[in-house]
């Protein structure tokens, strides 16, 4: 039976939530942290028929390195950053010296919390585990402690027309934090506090540098949590800037669904609050959603009010994760496991014990009817935690398989009715490639990822990795999908935007950019393709 039929049947096994998959979980009384229960369901066969497999994932990363140099381009006209049809992964830019006056102004603002040290600038100028690199690195790195300091920094940079690049957890993989034109990198590490928690309203006000994992540790004693779970190193500010999601998006939505309001420093240094703390409002433009996903091109996020959830105690699906046989092989190698090296689904169920067991039996029966086997339960808290840990560390497992390789990580997303075909056709192309390619995916929201490993010393392998990504992006676009389900555009996906969105859309984005950032200092060279900008 086709994938779409299986998906339809899984949806019908309980009352739908947002038309997504529903499964169940075994609930541990009086211990909310024990509500996570992964269940593994595998499919037999050496060569899987992906039409009969189950569903996809989300992915944020933080590891690896790329070489950079500090050689500036002499001719700005030669700049081509991910333009229409470009396959150049090296991001070029025109760089000029930062005025000494600005350096002195930054010292006055930041005191000892700034550096021009080459090693620090280098670290901030190279994306971690990104396919993309830049020929330039930032000239200065500053570490503000407050929104007021950010405002002063940006105001000075705007006066001197010096680029500003916000920097969070550095887990983004599409070149978002590159400094192709040099300038000032604003590292938000020191702005990592919880400003206010409103337990009765189930919201929290935080600074951008706090990580989602640290935030959830803070919230757990209150019986609350923030449901988005991208890569382990991701910060809340960066998650807003890239409009991320994670493996729980099937239940709780993406970042845009979980942010109530933002504080943003605009290009002229003015501080804007996008909305009130009310859960809904019809007052004016939705500036919160405008800023979410703007990738630092419209302003620097300095404060976030987040919608929280109670630790799960109701019968709703939270996640279903897909891993192909190559990814399972990598996990076994990296974690000394002996999981069957066949396409595998990981379910998480939520609910009462009786409800969870009932739903589990239904899902198990449906999976069996679709040639699923080895339906294995993990009921102990530590066992469940370990399973999700190895899933979250899937990328590092890939590098254990190919220690000296780099990765091209794909991020396409399509309507659910096209997902089976997308995976099937992509898998055929990946299996035919000489490169090692793994499949990981979020079930239920159409987001499909691969990790394509290549030897960075062999240009033909880099080109092959880019070709595979190009193939999958255009395949997704042909199915009314998107080039990026959650990683964002940065520099790497700009070349696909006109085909996906249309030139009118891009021109409108450019008008907004010009209105809010007339000097083009806010993360220049990102998001909007250069053939629209010039």
Foldseek 3Di string as FASTA:
>chain_A
DFQVVLQVLQCPLDPHDVSFGFAAFADDPPDLLLQWWKWKWFFDDPDDQLRLPYFFWFAWFFADWDDEAADADPDQVPFFFLFAPDLDQEHAHHADDDDVVLVVQLCVLQPVQKDQDPVVQRVQQIAHQALHHYHRTARMEGEDQALLSVLSNLQSCLVRLFFEQEDELSRFHQALRHDNHHGYYYYHQNQADWPDDDLVQQKTKGWFRHQQVNVQVVCVVSQKHAQFDHARRHTNQQQQQQQFGTQQCLPQNTPVSWWQWWWWQFNNSDIDIQDDNDNDDPPDDNVSNVRRRNSQLGTGTTMTMTHMDGSFAARGFGFKKKWALLLVVLLCLVPVDDDRSGIMIIGIHHYYNVRNVVSLVSSVVSCVVSNMDDGGIDNDSVSSVVVVVSVSCSVVSVCSVVVQWGWDKFKKFAPPVCLSVLCSVLVVVQVPDPWRKIWMTIGTGRITMMITIDRPVDVVSSVVNSVSLVVSQVVRVVRLIHRHPGSHWFSRNQNCCCSNPNLVVLLVVVVSSCVRNVSSNGSPNTDRGVVSVD
